[in-house]
Amino acid sequence: MFDKNNFQFDSNIKGNHNVVDNDMNVDINMNSSNGMGPSMSCSPVQEKCIHKTIVHEVPHVCPIHTRIINHHVFKHIYRPQYTCSEENVVSNVQCGSCSQFR
């Protein structure tokens, strides 16, 4: 006969988002009424349901384009550049002619 006072059930669940480690220690002491061995009685099956959440990372490509526009500004400045020129003007003074020296 099943003695529910001698039934011990310890369960420790450890997990890290991907793996669940479940340790169970069950100690059942079953004695028959005549002392010859365990009693063959049907007991309902106990079901333990564990829900695990598994996170999967799915990478998605999000294209980002950077356009650089360079603005060139030409600032015109004016500064004087001094130059110098020289001219020679020739003048002929005639005092007579060579024919007077003959």
C-alpha atoms as a PDB file:
ATOM      1  CA  MET A   1       0.000   0.000   0.000  1.00  0.00           C
ATOM      2  CA  PHE A   2       1.229   3.495  -0.820  1.00  0.00           C
ATOM      3  CA  ASP A   3       2.057   5.641   2.191  1.00  0.00           C
ATOM      4  CA  LYS A   4       1.899   9.296   1.251  1.00  0.00           C
ATOM      5  CA  ASN A   5       3.692  10.307   4.453  1.00  0.00           C
ATOM      6  CA  ASN A   6       6.914   8.634   3.228  1.00  0.00           C
ATOM      7  CA  PHE A   7       6.777  10.294  -0.195  1.00  0.00           C
ATOM      8  CA  GLN A   8       9.333  13.055  -0.784  1.00  0.00           C
ATOM      9  CA  PHE A   9       9.632  15.067  -3.956  1.00  0.00           C
ATOM     10  CA  ASP A  10      12.375  17.696  -4.310  1.00  0.00           C
ATOM     11  CA  SER A  11      12.785  19.603  -7.535  1.00  0.00           C
ATOM     12  CA  ASN A  12      15.368  22.278  -8.295  1.00  0.00           C
ATOM     13  CA  ILE A  13      15.130  24.112 -11.595  1.00  0.00           C
ATOM     14  CA  LYS A  14      18.096  26.174 -12.752  1.00  0.00           C
ATOM     15  CA  GLY A  15      18.144  27.984 -16.091  1.00  0.00           C
ATOM     16  CA  ASN A  16      19.956  30.657 -18.110  1.00  0.00           C
ATOM     17  CA  HIS A  17      17.435  31.531 -20.883  1.00  0.00           C
ATOM     18  CA  ASN A  18      18.541  28.644 -23.106  1.00  0.00           C
ATOM     19  CA  VAL A  19      19.030  25.539 -20.921  1.00  0.00           C
ATOM     20  CA  VAL A  20      16.839  24.280 -18.101  1.00  0.00           C
ATOM     21  CA  ASP A  21      18.512  21.873 -15.673  1.00  0.00           C
ATOM     22  CA  ASN A  22      15.908  19.983 -13.652  1.00  0.00           C
ATOM     23  CA  ASP A  23      17.046  17.733 -10.784  1.00  0.00           C
ATOM     24  CA  MET A  24      14.409  15.544  -9.150  1.00  0.00           C
ATOM     25  CA  ASN A  25      14.876  13.335  -6.106  1.00  0.00           C
ATOM     26  CA  VAL A  26      11.974  10.956  -5.515  1.00  0.00           C
ATOM     27  CA  ASP A  27      11.976   8.590  -2.538  1.00  0.00           C
ATOM     28  CA  ILE A  28       8.982   6.265  -2.493  1.00  0.00           C
ATOM     29  CA  ASN A  29       8.662   3.590   0.175  1.00  0.00           C
ATOM     30  CA  MET A  30       6.093   1.023  -0.997  1.00  0.00           C
ATOM     31  CA  ASN A  31       5.269  -1.914   1.241  1.00  0.00           C
ATOM     32  CA  SER A  32       2.755  -4.658   0.602  1.00  0.00           C
ATOM     33  CA  SER A  33       0.262  -5.630   3.194  1.00  0.00           C
ATOM     34  CA  ASN A  34       1.862  -9.080   3.598  1.00  0.00           C
ATOM     35  CA  GLY A  35       5.491  -7.852   3.799  1.00  0.00           C
ATOM     36  CA  MET A  36       6.553  -9.831   0.699  1.00  0.00           C
ATOM     37  CA  GLY A  37       7.347  -6.922  -1.600  1.00  0.00           C
ATOM     38  CA  PRO A  38       5.919  -3.793  -3.149  1.00  0.00           C
ATOM     39  CA  SER A  39       2.208  -3.605  -3.640  1.00  0.00           C
ATOM     40  CA  MET A  40       1.028  -3.434  -7.234  1.00  0.00           C
ATOM     41  CA  SER A  41      -1.567  -0.729  -7.051  1.00  0.00           C
ATOM     42  CA  CYS A  42      -2.322   1.677  -9.893  1.00  0.00           C
ATOM     43  CA  SER A  43      -1.844   5.296  -9.037  1.00  0.00           C
ATOM     44  CA  PRO A  44      -2.523   8.178 -11.403  1.00  0.00           C
ATOM     45  CA  VAL A  45       0.460   9.545 -13.284  1.00  0.00           C
ATOM     46  CA  GLN A  46       1.536  12.942 -12.131  1.00  0.00           C
ATOM     47  CA  GLU A  47       2.599  15.211 -14.958  1.00  0.00           C
ATOM     48  CA  LYS A  48       4.884  18.140 -14.526  1.00  0.00           C
ATOM     49  CA  CYS A  49       4.725  20.747 -17.272  1.00  0.00           C
ATOM     50  CA  ILE A  50       7.706  23.064 -17.736  1.00  0.00           C
ATOM     51  CA  HIS A  51       7.382  26.040 -20.066  1.00  0.00           C
ATOM     52  CA  LYS A  52      10.728  27.135 -21.471  1.00  0.00           C
ATOM     53  CA  THR A  53      11.259  30.440 -23.235  1.00  0.00           C
ATOM     54  CA  ILE A  54      14.073  30.409 -25.765  1.00  0.00           C
ATOM     55  CA  VAL A  55      15.154  33.780 -27.146  1.00  0.00           C
ATOM     56  CA  HIS A  56      16.582  33.856 -30.662  1.00  0.00           C
ATOM     57  CA  GLU A  57      18.243  36.974 -32.006  1.00  0.00           C
ATOM     58  CA  VAL A  58      17.443  37.580 -35.665  1.00  0.00           C
ATOM     59  CA  PRO A  59      19.689  40.278 -37.171  1.00  0.00           C
ATOM     60  CA  HIS A  60      18.135  42.651 -39.690  1.00  0.00           C
ATOM     61  CA  VAL A  61      20.186  44.982 -41.858  1.00  0.00           C
ATOM     62  CA  CYS A  62      19.018  48.585 -41.789  1.00  0.00           C
ATOM     63  CA  PRO A  63      21.038  50.502 -44.397  1.00  0.00           C
ATOM     64  CA  ILE A  64      22.007  54.042 -43.464  1.00  0.00           C
ATOM     65  CA  HIS A  65      23.719  56.191 -46.078  1.00  0.00           C
ATOM     66  CA  THR A  66      25.529  59.413 -45.181  1.00  0.00           C
ATOM     67  CA  ARG A  67      26.014  61.965 -47.934  1.00  0.00           C
ATOM     68  CA  ILE A  68      28.560  64.733 -47.392  1.00  0.00           C
ATOM     69  CA  ILE A  69      28.141  67.909 -49.432  1.00  0.00           C
ATOM     70  CA  ASN A  70      31.183  70.202 -49.560  1.00  0.00           C
ATOM     71  CA  HIS A  71      30.404  73.868 -50.167  1.00  0.00           C
ATOM     72  CA  HIS A  72      33.274  75.859 -51.698  1.00  0.00           C
ATOM     73  CA  VAL A  73      33.074  79.632 -51.368  1.00  0.00           C
ATOM     74  CA  PHE A  74      35.481  81.720 -53.430  1.00  0.00           C
ATOM     75  CA  LYS A  75      36.026  85.084 -51.806  1.00  0.00           C
ATOM     76  CA  HIS A  76      37.663  87.505 -54.213  1.00  0.00           C
ATOM     77  CA  ILE A  77      39.961  90.038 -52.654  1.00  0.00           C
ATOM     78  CA  TYR A  78      41.778  92.789 -54.526  1.00  0.00           C
ATOM     79  CA  ARG A  79      45.179  94.174 -53.613  1.00  0.00           C
ATOM     80  CA  PRO A  80      47.199  96.618 -55.623  1.00  0.00           C
ATOM     81  CA  GLN A  81      50.313  95.508 -57.420  1.00  0.00           C
ATOM     82  CA  TYR A  82      52.486  98.493 -58.214  1.00  0.00           C
ATOM     83  CA  THR A  83      54.512  98.564 -61.388  1.00  0.00           C
ATOM     84  CA  CYS A  84      56.821 101.118 -62.841  1.00  0.00           C
ATOM     85  CA  SER A  85      57.752 101.924 -66.398  1.00  0.00           C
ATOM     86  CA  GLU A  86      60.325 104.309 -67.839  1.00  0.00           C
ATOM     87  CA  GLU A  87      60.269 105.913 -71.223  1.00  0.00           C
ATOM     88  CA  ASN A  88      63.025 107.750 -73.070  1.00  0.00           C
ATOM     89  CA  VAL A  89      62.038 110.563 -75.378  1.00  0.00           C
ATOM     90  CA  VAL A  90      64.697 111.719 -77.783  1.00  0.00           C
ATOM     91  CA  SER A  91      64.642 115.191 -79.260  1.00  0.00           C
ATOM     92  CA  ASN A  92      66.966 116.383 -82.002  1.00  0.00           C
ATOM     93  CA  VAL A  93      68.091 119.952 -81.958  1.00  0.00           C
ATOM     94  CA  GLN A  94      69.485 121.049 -85.295  1.00  0.00           C
ATOM     95  CA  CYS A  95      71.817 123.999 -85.239  1.00  0.00           C
ATOM     96  CA  GLY A  96      72.346 124.150 -88.886  1.00  0.00           C
ATOM     97  CA  SER A  97      73.547 121.710 -91.462  1.00  0.00           C
ATOM     98  CA  CYS A  98      76.814 120.088 -92.350  1.00  0.00           C
ATOM     99  CA  SER A  99      77.036 122.109 -95.508  1.00  0.00           C
ATOM    100  CA  GLN A 100      78.062 125.227 -93.665  1.00  0.00           C
ATOM    101  CA  PHE A 101      81.309 123.540 -92.572  1.00  0.00           C
ATOM    102  CA  ARG A 102      82.771 123.095 -96.077  1.00  0.00           C
END
